[in-house]
C-alpha cells in the first residue's frame, strides 16, 4: 500500500508490480496450460485474488536482472469476457452467511409456507421440504450453485430465492431488498467489472 500511494508522482510514474513465477518441470506429462487463482493476503487493494493464466514456456528466465515492466507476459490477467464462477459463488455464499441469523428469526414462523414455495421453484429437495429448517434450505440453495457454470444461470438461481421472499410479503420484502442489495454490492466489491443483474418482476 505504501508503494501504491506513491504512484503518480514524478519519481514514481510506473505502478508497483510484483512478479509471480510458477516453475515446473518440462516433462511429457506436464500440463501445457496453467490457470490458477492465487489469493492475496495482506494486500490492501480492491482485488482479493489474481489469476495466473499462462501457456507452458520453456525459456530460461533470470529473476535477478529482469525488470517487471518488461515481463508483463509472464503474468496474464483473466480476459474481461471470462467469468470467475467460483468467485461469484463465494460472494453469494458470504452474503447469505452474514444474513443467516436474521433469516432464522424471520423464517421461524413461516417455514412450511417458505418450503412449499422453494420446492415449487426447485430450490430445495422433497426431503428438505418434508422437514424444513432454515439451515437446510440455505444449504441446498448453495449446493444448487455448484452445478451452475454460467453467470446468467446463477443470477436466475438467486432471483428464484428472492422471488419467494417477495411472494411471502410483509417483512420478507424488506429481507429480499436487503439481500439483493448486499449481493450486488458484494459482487461489485470482490469482482470489479462484473455486472450482476437481479431483475425481478413482481
N, C-alpha and C. Protein backbone atom coordinates (compact mmCIF):
# COMPACT_ATOMS: atom_id res chain seq x y z
N UNK A 1 0.84 -1.20 0.00
CA UNK A 1 0.00 0.00 0.00
C UNK A 1 0.88 1.26 0.00
N UNK A 2 2.00 1.19 0.72
CA UNK A 2 2.90 2.33 0.76
C UNK A 2 3.42 2.66 -0.63
N UNK A 3 3.78 1.63 -1.39
CA UNK A 3 4.27 1.84 -2.74
C UNK A 3 3.16 2.34 -3.67
N UNK A 4 1.94 1.81 -3.46
CA UNK A 4 0.81 2.21 -4.30
C UNK A 4 0.48 3.68 -4.08
N UNK A 5 0.62 4.16 -2.83
CA UNK A 5 0.32 5.56 -2.54
C UNK A 5 1.27 6.51 -3.26
N UNK A 6 2.47 6.01 -3.57
CA UNK A 6 3.45 6.86 -4.26
C UNK A 6 3.15 6.99 -5.76
N UNK A 7 2.38 6.06 -6.28
CA UNK A 7 2.14 6.01 -7.71
C UNK A 7 1.51 7.31 -8.22
N UNK A 8 2.07 7.82 -9.33
CA UNK A 8 1.54 9.04 -9.93
C UNK A 8 2.44 10.24 -9.71
N UNK A 9 3.37 10.12 -8.76
CA UNK A 9 4.30 11.23 -8.55
C UNK A 9 5.36 11.23 -9.64
N UNK A 10 6.12 12.31 -9.74
CA UNK A 10 7.12 12.43 -10.79
C UNK A 10 8.18 11.34 -10.69
N UNK A 11 8.48 10.94 -9.48
CA UNK A 11 9.52 9.92 -9.29
C UNK A 11 8.97 8.49 -9.38
N UNK A 12 7.66 8.37 -9.45
CA UNK A 12 7.05 7.04 -9.50
C UNK A 12 6.00 6.98 -10.60
N UNK A 13 6.43 7.06 -11.87
CA UNK A 13 5.47 7.07 -12.99
C UNK A 13 4.88 5.69 -13.27
N UNK A 14 5.51 4.62 -12.77
CA UNK A 14 5.03 3.27 -13.05
C UNK A 14 4.34 2.70 -11.80
N UNK A 15 3.22 1.99 -11.99
CA UNK A 15 2.53 1.40 -10.84
C UNK A 15 3.38 0.29 -10.23
N UNK A 16 3.26 0.04 -8.92
CA UNK A 16 4.01 -1.03 -8.28
C UNK A 16 3.59 -2.38 -8.85
N UNK A 17 4.56 -3.26 -9.05
CA UNK A 17 4.27 -4.58 -9.60
C UNK A 17 4.98 -5.65 -8.80
N UNK A 18 4.44 -6.83 -8.87
CA UNK A 18 5.04 -7.96 -8.17
C UNK A 18 5.10 -9.13 -9.14
N UNK A 19 6.30 -9.66 -9.34
CA UNK A 19 6.47 -10.79 -10.25
C UNK A 19 6.02 -12.07 -9.58
N UNK A 20 5.15 -12.80 -10.23
CA UNK A 20 4.74 -14.12 -9.76
C UNK A 20 5.28 -15.14 -10.75
N UNK A 21 6.14 -16.01 -10.27
CA UNK A 21 6.74 -17.01 -11.15
C UNK A 21 6.35 -18.40 -10.68
N UNK A 22 5.80 -19.20 -11.59
CA UNK A 22 5.42 -20.57 -11.28
C UNK A 22 6.34 -21.48 -12.08
N UNK A 23 7.07 -22.35 -11.39
CA UNK A 23 8.05 -23.21 -12.04
C UNK A 23 7.56 -24.65 -12.08
N UNK A 24 7.89 -25.33 -13.14
CA UNK A 24 7.53 -26.74 -13.27
C UNK A 24 8.48 -27.43 -14.21
N UNK A 25 8.59 -28.72 -14.10
CA UNK A 25 9.48 -29.47 -14.97
C UNK A 25 8.85 -29.66 -16.34
N UNK A 26 9.66 -29.51 -17.37
CA UNK A 26 9.18 -29.68 -18.74
C UNK A 26 9.21 -31.16 -19.11
N UNK A 27 8.26 -31.89 -18.57
CA UNK A 27 8.16 -33.32 -18.83
C UNK A 27 6.98 -33.59 -19.76
N UNK A 28 6.95 -34.77 -20.40
CA UNK A 28 5.85 -35.08 -21.33
C UNK A 28 4.46 -34.98 -20.70
N UNK A 29 4.35 -35.29 -19.39
CA UNK A 29 3.03 -35.26 -18.76
C UNK A 29 2.73 -33.93 -18.07
N UNK A 30 3.60 -32.93 -18.25
CA UNK A 30 3.36 -31.62 -17.66
C UNK A 30 2.22 -30.91 -18.39
N UNK A 31 1.33 -30.31 -17.63
CA UNK A 31 0.21 -29.59 -18.24
C UNK A 31 0.74 -28.46 -19.12
N UNK A 32 0.18 -28.34 -20.30
CA UNK A 32 0.65 -27.33 -21.25
C UNK A 32 0.03 -25.96 -21.01
N UNK A 33 -0.97 -25.91 -20.16
CA UNK A 33 -1.64 -24.64 -19.88
C UNK A 33 -2.01 -24.58 -18.41
N UNK A 34 -1.70 -23.48 -17.77
CA UNK A 34 -1.99 -23.31 -16.35
C UNK A 34 -3.00 -22.20 -16.15
N UNK A 35 -4.02 -22.48 -15.38
CA UNK A 35 -4.98 -21.45 -14.99
C UNK A 35 -5.26 -21.65 -13.51
N UNK A 36 -4.81 -20.73 -12.69
CA UNK A 36 -4.87 -20.94 -11.25
C UNK A 36 -5.10 -19.62 -10.53
N UNK A 37 -6.04 -19.61 -9.61
CA UNK A 37 -6.33 -18.40 -8.84
C UNK A 37 -5.51 -18.41 -7.55
N UNK A 38 -4.83 -17.31 -7.28
CA UNK A 38 -3.97 -17.20 -6.11
C UNK A 38 -4.54 -16.12 -5.19
N UNK A 39 -4.90 -16.48 -3.95
CA UNK A 39 -5.43 -15.47 -3.03
C UNK A 39 -4.35 -14.49 -2.60
N UNK A 40 -4.72 -13.23 -2.44
CA UNK A 40 -3.81 -12.20 -1.97
C UNK A 40 -4.08 -11.93 -0.50
N UNK A 41 -3.10 -12.15 0.34
CA UNK A 41 -3.25 -11.98 1.77
C UNK A 41 -2.35 -10.83 2.23
N UNK A 42 -2.92 -9.90 2.98
CA UNK A 42 -2.13 -8.78 3.47
C UNK A 42 -1.91 -7.69 2.46
N UNK A 43 -2.66 -7.72 1.37
CA UNK A 43 -2.55 -6.70 0.33
C UNK A 43 -3.80 -5.84 0.35
N UNK A 44 -3.63 -4.54 0.50
CA UNK A 44 -4.77 -3.64 0.55
C UNK A 44 -5.10 -3.15 -0.85
N UNK A 45 -6.03 -3.81 -1.51
CA UNK A 45 -6.46 -3.39 -2.84
C UNK A 45 -7.85 -3.94 -3.08
N UNK A 46 -8.45 -3.57 -4.22
CA UNK A 46 -9.82 -4.00 -4.48
C UNK A 46 -9.90 -5.46 -4.92
N UNK A 47 -8.75 -6.05 -5.29
CA UNK A 47 -8.76 -7.44 -5.73
C UNK A 47 -8.29 -8.35 -4.59
N UNK A 48 -8.96 -9.44 -4.38
CA UNK A 48 -8.58 -10.37 -3.34
C UNK A 48 -7.89 -11.60 -3.90
N UNK A 49 -7.81 -11.69 -5.21
CA UNK A 49 -7.09 -12.78 -5.82
C UNK A 49 -6.65 -12.39 -7.21
N UNK A 50 -5.60 -13.05 -7.70
CA UNK A 50 -5.15 -12.84 -9.06
C UNK A 50 -5.24 -14.16 -9.79
N UNK A 51 -5.29 -14.07 -11.09
CA UNK A 51 -5.39 -15.28 -11.89
C UNK A 51 -4.13 -15.44 -12.74
N UNK A 52 -3.44 -16.56 -12.56
CA UNK A 52 -2.32 -16.90 -13.42
C UNK A 52 -2.88 -17.70 -14.59
N UNK A 53 -2.74 -17.16 -15.78
CA UNK A 53 -3.26 -17.81 -16.99
C UNK A 53 -2.14 -17.81 -18.01
N UNK A 54 -1.54 -18.97 -18.24
CA UNK A 54 -0.30 -18.99 -18.99
C UNK A 54 -0.06 -20.31 -19.71
N UNK A 55 0.41 -20.21 -20.96
CA UNK A 55 0.88 -21.39 -21.68
C UNK A 55 2.25 -21.80 -21.15
N UNK A 56 2.59 -23.06 -21.29
CA UNK A 56 3.88 -23.55 -20.87
C UNK A 56 4.99 -22.84 -21.65
N UNK A 57 5.95 -22.28 -20.91
CA UNK A 57 7.07 -21.55 -21.52
C UNK A 57 8.36 -22.23 -21.10
N UNK A 58 9.13 -22.68 -22.06
CA UNK A 58 10.36 -23.42 -21.74
C UNK A 58 11.59 -22.53 -21.71
N UNK A 59 11.42 -21.21 -21.90
CA UNK A 59 12.57 -20.31 -21.90
C UNK A 59 13.13 -20.13 -20.49
N UNK A 60 14.43 -19.89 -20.39
CA UNK A 60 15.06 -19.59 -19.12
C UNK A 60 14.73 -18.15 -18.75
N UNK A 61 14.58 -17.90 -17.46
CA UNK A 61 14.21 -16.56 -17.02
C UNK A 61 15.05 -16.17 -15.82
N UNK A 62 15.71 -15.01 -15.88
CA UNK A 62 16.57 -14.55 -14.82
C UNK A 62 15.82 -13.55 -13.95
N UNK A 63 15.42 -13.97 -12.75
CA UNK A 63 14.61 -13.10 -11.89
C UNK A 63 15.43 -12.02 -11.21
N UNK A 64 16.77 -12.15 -11.24
CA UNK A 64 17.58 -11.16 -10.54
C UNK A 64 17.81 -9.91 -11.36
N UNK A 65 17.74 -10.03 -12.70
CA UNK A 65 18.02 -8.87 -13.54
C UNK A 65 16.81 -8.36 -14.30
N UNK A 66 15.72 -9.11 -14.25
CA UNK A 66 14.56 -8.73 -15.06
C UNK A 66 13.87 -7.51 -14.48
N UNK A 67 13.38 -6.66 -15.34
CA UNK A 67 12.59 -5.51 -14.96
C UNK A 67 11.13 -5.89 -15.08
N UNK A 68 10.36 -5.80 -13.99
CA UNK A 68 8.95 -6.20 -14.05
C UNK A 68 8.17 -5.53 -15.17
N UNK A 69 8.58 -4.31 -15.57
CA UNK A 69 7.84 -3.63 -16.62
C UNK A 69 8.01 -4.31 -17.96
N UNK A 70 9.05 -5.15 -18.08
CA UNK A 70 9.34 -5.80 -19.35
C UNK A 70 8.88 -7.25 -19.41
N UNK A 71 8.21 -7.73 -18.36
CA UNK A 71 7.83 -9.14 -18.32
C UNK A 71 6.34 -9.31 -18.07
N UNK A 72 5.56 -8.40 -18.57
CA UNK A 72 4.13 -8.47 -18.33
C UNK A 72 3.53 -9.74 -18.90
N UNK A 73 4.17 -10.34 -19.90
CA UNK A 73 3.63 -11.55 -20.48
C UNK A 73 3.70 -12.73 -19.52
N UNK A 74 4.54 -12.64 -18.48
CA UNK A 74 4.70 -13.76 -17.57
C UNK A 74 3.48 -13.96 -16.69
N UNK A 75 2.74 -12.89 -16.42
CA UNK A 75 1.53 -12.99 -15.61
C UNK A 75 0.41 -12.32 -16.36
N UNK A 76 -0.56 -13.09 -16.78
CA UNK A 76 -1.64 -12.54 -17.59
C UNK A 76 -2.90 -12.42 -16.76
N UNK A 77 -3.57 -11.31 -16.86
CA UNK A 77 -4.84 -11.14 -16.18
C UNK A 77 -5.92 -11.90 -16.93
N UNK A 78 -6.98 -12.35 -16.22
CA UNK A 78 -8.03 -13.06 -16.91
C UNK A 78 -8.74 -12.15 -17.90
N UNK A 79 -9.13 -12.66 -19.08
CA UNK A 79 -9.84 -11.84 -20.05
C UNK A 79 -11.11 -11.26 -19.45
N UNK A 80 -11.49 -10.08 -19.92
CA UNK A 80 -12.69 -9.43 -19.38
C UNK A 80 -13.94 -10.27 -19.59
N UNK A 81 -13.94 -11.03 -20.69
CA UNK A 81 -15.12 -11.83 -21.00
C UNK A 81 -15.20 -13.09 -20.17
N UNK A 82 -14.09 -13.42 -19.47
CA UNK A 82 -14.04 -14.65 -18.69
C UNK A 82 -14.67 -14.41 -17.34
N UNK A 83 -15.51 -15.31 -16.91
CA UNK A 83 -16.20 -15.13 -15.65
C UNK A 83 -15.62 -16.04 -14.57
N UNK A 84 -15.33 -15.47 -13.42
CA UNK A 84 -14.85 -16.24 -12.28
C UNK A 84 -16.06 -16.78 -11.53
N UNK A 85 -16.54 -17.93 -11.95
CA UNK A 85 -17.76 -18.50 -11.36
C UNK A 85 -17.53 -18.87 -9.90
N UNK A 86 -16.36 -19.44 -9.59
CA UNK A 86 -16.07 -19.78 -8.19
C UNK A 86 -16.10 -18.54 -7.31
N UNK A 87 -15.51 -17.45 -7.81
CA UNK A 87 -15.54 -16.21 -7.06
C UNK A 87 -16.95 -15.68 -6.88
N UNK A 88 -17.77 -15.84 -7.89
CA UNK A 88 -19.17 -15.39 -7.81
C UNK A 88 -19.93 -16.20 -6.76
N UNK A 89 -19.69 -17.51 -6.76
CA UNK A 89 -20.34 -18.35 -5.74
C UNK A 89 -19.91 -17.93 -4.34
N UNK A 90 -18.63 -17.64 -4.17
CA UNK A 90 -18.14 -17.24 -2.85
C UNK A 90 -18.80 -15.94 -2.39
N UNK A 91 -18.96 -15.00 -3.31
CA UNK A 91 -19.62 -13.74 -2.97
C UNK A 91 -21.04 -13.99 -2.45
N UNK A 92 -21.77 -14.83 -3.16
CA UNK A 92 -23.15 -15.13 -2.78
C UNK A 92 -23.20 -15.85 -1.44
N UNK A 93 -22.32 -16.83 -1.26
CA UNK A 93 -22.30 -17.58 -0.01
C UNK A 93 -22.00 -16.67 1.17
N UNK A 94 -21.07 -15.73 0.98
CA UNK A 94 -20.71 -14.82 2.06
C UNK A 94 -21.89 -13.93 2.46
N UNK A 95 -22.66 -13.49 1.48
CA UNK A 95 -23.83 -12.65 1.79
C UNK A 95 -24.85 -13.44 2.60
N UNK A 96 -25.10 -14.68 2.20
CA UNK A 96 -26.08 -15.48 2.94
C UNK A 96 -25.56 -15.84 4.33
N UNK A 97 -24.26 -16.06 4.45
CA UNK A 97 -23.69 -16.35 5.77
C UNK A 97 -23.85 -15.16 6.70
N UNK A 98 -23.70 -13.96 6.19
CA UNK A 98 -23.84 -12.75 7.01
C UNK A 98 -25.29 -12.52 7.44
N UNK A 99 -26.22 -13.01 6.62
CA UNK A 99 -27.64 -12.76 6.91
C UNK A 99 -28.35 -13.95 7.55
N UNK A 100 -27.61 -15.03 7.81
CA UNK A 100 -28.26 -16.26 8.25
C UNK A 100 -28.98 -16.10 9.58
N UNK A 101 -28.41 -15.34 10.52
CA UNK A 101 -29.04 -15.16 11.83
C UNK A 101 -30.39 -14.45 11.68
N UNK A 102 -30.43 -13.42 10.85
CA UNK A 102 -31.68 -12.68 10.63
C UNK A 102 -32.71 -13.55 9.90
N UNK A 103 -32.24 -14.39 8.98
CA UNK A 103 -33.16 -15.28 8.27
C UNK A 103 -33.77 -16.30 9.23
N UNK A 104 -32.98 -16.77 10.18
CA UNK A 104 -33.51 -17.69 11.20
C UNK A 104 -34.70 -17.05 11.92
N UNK A 105 -34.51 -15.82 12.33
CA UNK A 105 -35.56 -15.13 13.07
C UNK A 105 -36.79 -14.87 12.19
N UNK A 106 -36.55 -14.53 10.93
CA UNK A 106 -37.65 -14.21 10.03
C UNK A 106 -38.43 -15.45 9.61
N UNK A 107 -37.73 -16.55 9.36
CA UNK A 107 -38.36 -17.76 8.82
C UNK A 107 -39.08 -18.60 9.87
N UNK A 108 -38.79 -18.41 11.15
CA UNK A 108 -39.19 -19.37 12.17
C UNK A 108 -40.69 -19.64 12.21
N UNK A 109 -41.52 -18.65 11.89
CA UNK A 109 -42.97 -18.86 11.95
C UNK A 109 -43.59 -19.17 10.60
N UNK A 110 -42.76 -19.26 9.56
CA UNK A 110 -43.31 -19.46 8.21
C UNK A 110 -42.55 -20.53 7.43
N UNK A 111 -41.88 -21.43 8.14
CA UNK A 111 -41.03 -22.41 7.47
C UNK A 111 -41.79 -23.29 6.48
N UNK A 112 -42.98 -23.73 6.86
CA UNK A 112 -43.75 -24.62 5.98
C UNK A 112 -44.13 -23.91 4.69
N UNK A 113 -44.63 -22.68 4.81
CA UNK A 113 -45.03 -21.92 3.63
C UNK A 113 -43.81 -21.62 2.74
N UNK A 114 -42.70 -21.27 3.36
CA UNK A 114 -41.48 -20.98 2.59
C UNK A 114 -40.99 -22.23 1.88
N UNK A 115 -41.01 -23.35 2.60
CA UNK A 115 -40.56 -24.62 1.99
C UNK A 115 -41.45 -24.99 0.81
N UNK A 116 -42.75 -24.74 0.91
CA UNK A 116 -43.65 -25.03 -0.21
C UNK A 116 -43.26 -24.23 -1.44
N UNK A 117 -42.99 -22.94 -1.24
CA UNK A 117 -42.62 -22.08 -2.37
C UNK A 117 -41.25 -22.46 -2.94
N UNK A 118 -40.31 -22.78 -2.05
CA UNK A 118 -38.97 -23.16 -2.50
C UNK A 118 -39.01 -24.45 -3.32
N UNK A 119 -39.86 -25.37 -2.91
CA UNK A 119 -39.98 -26.64 -3.64
C UNK A 119 -40.56 -26.42 -5.03
N UNK A 120 -41.52 -25.52 -5.13
CA UNK A 120 -42.17 -25.26 -6.42
C UNK A 120 -41.21 -24.71 -7.46
N UNK A 121 -40.19 -23.98 -7.00
CA UNK A 121 -39.22 -23.41 -7.96
C UNK A 121 -37.91 -24.21 -7.97
N UNK A 122 -37.95 -25.43 -7.40
CA UNK A 122 -36.82 -26.37 -7.44
C UNK A 122 -35.56 -25.85 -6.76
N UNK A 123 -35.73 -25.13 -5.66
CA UNK A 123 -34.58 -24.68 -4.89
C UNK A 123 -34.22 -25.66 -3.79
N UNK A 124 -35.17 -26.49 -3.39
CA UNK A 124 -34.91 -27.49 -2.35
C UNK A 124 -35.47 -28.84 -2.80
N UNK A 125 -34.99 -29.88 -2.13
CA UNK A 125 -35.45 -31.24 -2.44
C UNK A 125 -36.71 -31.57 -1.65
N UNK A 126 -37.31 -32.68 -2.00
CA UNK A 126 -38.52 -33.13 -1.29
C UNK A 126 -38.21 -33.45 0.16
N UNK A 127 -37.04 -34.00 0.43
CA UNK A 127 -36.67 -34.35 1.80
C UNK A 127 -36.59 -33.11 2.69
N UNK A 128 -35.95 -32.05 2.18
CA UNK A 128 -35.86 -30.81 2.96
C UNK A 128 -37.25 -30.19 3.11
N UNK A 129 -38.07 -30.31 2.08
CA UNK A 129 -39.43 -29.78 2.16
C UNK A 129 -40.24 -30.48 3.25
N UNK A 130 -40.03 -31.78 3.39
CA UNK A 130 -40.80 -32.54 4.38
C UNK A 130 -40.43 -32.16 5.80
N UNK A 131 -39.17 -31.86 6.04
CA UNK A 131 -38.72 -31.46 7.38
C UNK A 131 -37.83 -30.22 7.24
N UNK A 132 -38.43 -29.09 6.95
CA UNK A 132 -37.64 -27.89 6.63
C UNK A 132 -36.97 -27.26 7.84
N UNK A 133 -35.75 -26.81 7.64
CA UNK A 133 -35.05 -25.95 8.60
C UNK A 133 -34.40 -24.84 7.78
N UNK A 134 -34.13 -23.74 8.43
CA UNK A 134 -33.51 -22.61 7.73
C UNK A 134 -32.14 -23.02 7.19
N UNK A 135 -31.38 -23.71 8.03
CA UNK A 135 -30.02 -24.10 7.62
C UNK A 135 -30.05 -25.02 6.40
N UNK A 136 -30.97 -25.97 6.38
CA UNK A 136 -31.02 -26.90 5.25
C UNK A 136 -31.52 -26.23 3.97
N UNK A 137 -32.43 -25.28 4.12
CA UNK A 137 -32.91 -24.55 2.94
C UNK A 137 -31.75 -23.76 2.31
N UNK A 138 -31.01 -23.05 3.15
CA UNK A 138 -29.88 -22.27 2.64
C UNK A 138 -28.79 -23.20 2.10
N UNK A 139 -28.58 -24.31 2.79
CA UNK A 139 -27.54 -25.26 2.36
C UNK A 139 -27.86 -25.81 0.97
N UNK A 140 -29.11 -26.14 0.71
CA UNK A 140 -29.46 -26.67 -0.61
C UNK A 140 -29.45 -25.58 -1.67
N UNK A 141 -29.79 -24.37 -1.28
CA UNK A 141 -29.68 -23.25 -2.22
C UNK A 141 -28.22 -23.09 -2.67
N UNK A 142 -27.30 -23.15 -1.71
CA UNK A 142 -25.88 -23.03 -2.03
C UNK A 142 -25.41 -24.23 -2.86
N UNK A 143 -25.85 -25.43 -2.48
CA UNK A 143 -25.41 -26.64 -3.19
C UNK A 143 -25.85 -26.61 -4.64
N UNK A 144 -27.02 -26.03 -4.91
CA UNK A 144 -27.50 -25.95 -6.28
C UNK A 144 -26.56 -25.16 -7.17
N UNK A 145 -25.90 -24.15 -6.60
CA UNK A 145 -24.99 -23.33 -7.40
C UNK A 145 -23.76 -24.08 -7.86
N UNK A 146 -23.41 -25.15 -7.15
CA UNK A 146 -22.21 -25.92 -7.52
C UNK A 146 -22.34 -26.55 -8.90
N UNK A 147 -23.57 -26.70 -9.36
CA UNK A 147 -23.81 -27.35 -10.65
C UNK A 147 -24.14 -26.33 -11.74
N UNK A 148 -23.91 -25.05 -11.44
CA UNK A 148 -24.16 -24.00 -12.41
C UNK A 148 -22.83 -23.38 -12.82
N UNK A 149 -22.60 -23.27 -14.10
CA UNK A 149 -21.32 -22.77 -14.59
C UNK A 149 -21.46 -21.49 -15.42
N UNK A 150 -22.65 -20.89 -15.43
CA UNK A 150 -22.86 -19.65 -16.17
C UNK A 150 -23.41 -18.57 -15.26
N UNK A 151 -22.90 -17.35 -15.43
CA UNK A 151 -23.34 -16.24 -14.58
C UNK A 151 -24.84 -16.02 -14.67
N UNK A 152 -25.38 -16.08 -15.86
CA UNK A 152 -26.81 -15.83 -16.04
C UNK A 152 -27.66 -16.84 -15.29
N UNK A 153 -27.20 -18.09 -15.27
CA UNK A 153 -27.93 -19.14 -14.55
C UNK A 153 -27.86 -18.93 -13.05
N UNK A 154 -26.71 -18.45 -12.57
CA UNK A 154 -26.59 -18.16 -11.14
C UNK A 154 -27.49 -16.98 -10.77
N UNK A 155 -27.56 -16.00 -11.66
CA UNK A 155 -28.49 -14.88 -11.42
C UNK A 155 -29.92 -15.39 -11.30
N UNK A 156 -30.32 -16.29 -12.19
CA UNK A 156 -31.66 -16.87 -12.15
C UNK A 156 -31.90 -17.63 -10.85
N UNK A 157 -30.86 -18.33 -10.39
CA UNK A 157 -30.94 -19.08 -9.14
C UNK A 157 -31.23 -18.14 -7.96
N UNK A 158 -30.51 -17.02 -7.92
CA UNK A 158 -30.72 -16.04 -6.85
C UNK A 158 -32.09 -15.36 -6.98
N UNK A 159 -32.50 -15.09 -8.21
CA UNK A 159 -33.80 -14.46 -8.44
C UNK A 159 -34.93 -15.35 -7.93
N UNK A 160 -34.80 -16.65 -8.12
CA UNK A 160 -35.81 -17.59 -7.61
C UNK A 160 -35.96 -17.45 -6.09
N UNK A 161 -34.83 -17.41 -5.41
CA UNK A 161 -34.85 -17.29 -3.95
C UNK A 161 -35.49 -15.97 -3.53
N UNK A 162 -35.06 -14.89 -4.14
CA UNK A 162 -35.59 -13.58 -3.78
C UNK A 162 -37.08 -13.47 -4.11
N UNK A 163 -37.50 -14.09 -5.21
CA UNK A 163 -38.91 -14.03 -5.61
C UNK A 163 -39.80 -14.72 -4.58
N UNK A 164 -39.29 -15.79 -3.98
CA UNK A 164 -40.05 -16.47 -2.92
C UNK A 164 -40.25 -15.52 -1.74
N UNK A 165 -39.22 -14.79 -1.37
CA UNK A 165 -39.34 -13.84 -0.26
C UNK A 165 -40.33 -12.74 -0.59
N UNK A 166 -40.25 -12.22 -1.80
CA UNK A 166 -41.19 -11.16 -2.19
C UNK A 166 -42.63 -11.69 -2.17
N UNK A 167 -42.81 -12.93 -2.56
CA UNK A 167 -44.15 -13.52 -2.58
C UNK A 167 -44.72 -13.67 -1.18
N UNK A 168 -43.84 -13.86 -0.18
CA UNK A 168 -44.30 -14.02 1.20
C UNK A 168 -44.81 -12.71 1.79
N UNK A 169 -44.40 -11.59 1.19
CA UNK A 169 -44.85 -10.26 1.59
C UNK A 169 -44.42 -9.89 3.02
N UNK A 170 -44.92 -8.76 3.50
CA UNK A 170 -44.58 -8.29 4.84
C UNK A 170 -43.09 -8.04 4.99
N UNK A 171 -42.51 -8.42 6.14
CA UNK A 171 -41.08 -8.18 6.38
C UNK A 171 -40.17 -8.97 5.44
N UNK A 172 -40.73 -9.98 4.78
CA UNK A 172 -39.93 -10.75 3.82
C UNK A 172 -39.49 -9.87 2.64
N UNK A 173 -40.31 -8.88 2.31
CA UNK A 173 -39.96 -7.97 1.22
C UNK A 173 -38.73 -7.15 1.60
N UNK A 174 -38.68 -6.71 2.86
CA UNK A 174 -37.52 -5.96 3.34
C UNK A 174 -36.27 -6.84 3.32
N UNK A 175 -36.45 -8.08 3.72
CA UNK A 175 -35.31 -9.02 3.70
C UNK A 175 -34.82 -9.23 2.27
N UNK A 176 -35.74 -9.39 1.34
CA UNK A 176 -35.37 -9.60 -0.06
C UNK A 176 -34.63 -8.39 -0.60
N UNK A 177 -35.11 -7.19 -0.28
CA UNK A 177 -34.45 -5.96 -0.74
C UNK A 177 -33.02 -5.88 -0.22
N UNK A 178 -32.85 -6.21 1.08
CA UNK A 178 -31.51 -6.13 1.68
C UNK A 178 -30.56 -7.15 1.07
N UNK A 179 -31.02 -8.39 0.93
CA UNK A 179 -30.16 -9.44 0.38
C UNK A 179 -29.80 -9.12 -1.07
N UNK A 180 -30.76 -8.62 -1.80
CA UNK A 180 -30.49 -8.24 -3.19
C UNK A 180 -29.42 -7.16 -3.26
N UNK A 181 -29.56 -6.12 -2.44
CA UNK A 181 -28.57 -5.04 -2.43
C UNK A 181 -27.21 -5.56 -1.98
N UNK A 182 -27.21 -6.43 -0.95
CA UNK A 182 -25.95 -6.98 -0.45
C UNK A 182 -25.25 -7.81 -1.52
N UNK A 183 -26.01 -8.58 -2.28
CA UNK A 183 -25.42 -9.42 -3.32
C UNK A 183 -24.75 -8.57 -4.40
N UNK A 184 -25.45 -7.55 -4.84
CA UNK A 184 -24.91 -6.69 -5.89
C UNK A 184 -23.67 -5.95 -5.40
N UNK A 185 -23.71 -5.43 -4.18
CA UNK A 185 -22.56 -4.72 -3.62
C UNK A 185 -21.37 -5.64 -3.43
N UNK A 186 -21.63 -6.86 -2.96
CA UNK A 186 -20.54 -7.81 -2.73
C UNK A 186 -19.84 -8.19 -4.03
N UNK A 187 -20.63 -8.43 -5.07
CA UNK A 187 -20.05 -8.78 -6.37
C UNK A 187 -19.27 -7.60 -6.94
N UNK A 188 -19.83 -6.39 -6.83
CA UNK A 188 -19.13 -5.20 -7.32
C UNK A 188 -17.81 -4.99 -6.59
N UNK A 189 -17.80 -5.32 -5.30
CA UNK A 189 -16.60 -5.12 -4.49
C UNK A 189 -15.53 -6.17 -4.79
N UNK A 190 -15.96 -7.44 -4.85
CA UNK A 190 -14.99 -8.53 -5.00
C UNK A 190 -14.65 -8.84 -6.46
N UNK A 191 -15.58 -8.55 -7.37
CA UNK A 191 -15.36 -8.87 -8.78
C UNK A 191 -15.62 -7.63 -9.63
N UNK A 192 -14.73 -6.65 -9.57
CA UNK A 192 -14.93 -5.41 -10.33
C UNK A 192 -15.12 -5.69 -11.82
N UNK A 193 -16.07 -5.00 -12.39
CA UNK A 193 -16.33 -5.17 -13.81
C UNK A 193 -17.41 -6.18 -14.14
N UNK A 194 -17.80 -6.99 -13.14
CA UNK A 194 -18.85 -7.99 -13.36
C UNK A 194 -20.21 -7.34 -13.13
N UNK A 195 -21.07 -7.43 -14.11
CA UNK A 195 -22.42 -6.90 -14.00
C UNK A 195 -23.34 -8.00 -13.49
N UNK A 196 -23.68 -7.95 -12.21
CA UNK A 196 -24.53 -8.96 -11.60
C UNK A 196 -25.96 -8.42 -11.57
N UNK A 197 -26.82 -8.99 -12.38
CA UNK A 197 -28.17 -8.46 -12.56
C UNK A 197 -29.19 -9.32 -11.84
N UNK A 198 -30.00 -8.68 -11.03
CA UNK A 198 -31.06 -9.39 -10.31
C UNK A 198 -32.38 -8.67 -10.59
N UNK A 199 -32.80 -8.72 -11.84
CA UNK A 199 -34.03 -8.07 -12.26
C UNK A 199 -35.21 -8.98 -11.94
N UNK A 200 -36.05 -8.53 -11.00
CA UNK A 200 -37.15 -9.35 -10.53
C UNK A 200 -38.47 -8.70 -10.94
N UNK A 201 -39.31 -9.48 -11.60
CA UNK A 201 -40.63 -9.00 -12.00
C UNK A 201 -41.63 -9.46 -10.95
N UNK A 202 -42.23 -8.52 -10.24
CA UNK A 202 -43.18 -8.86 -9.16
C UNK A 202 -44.60 -8.93 -9.70
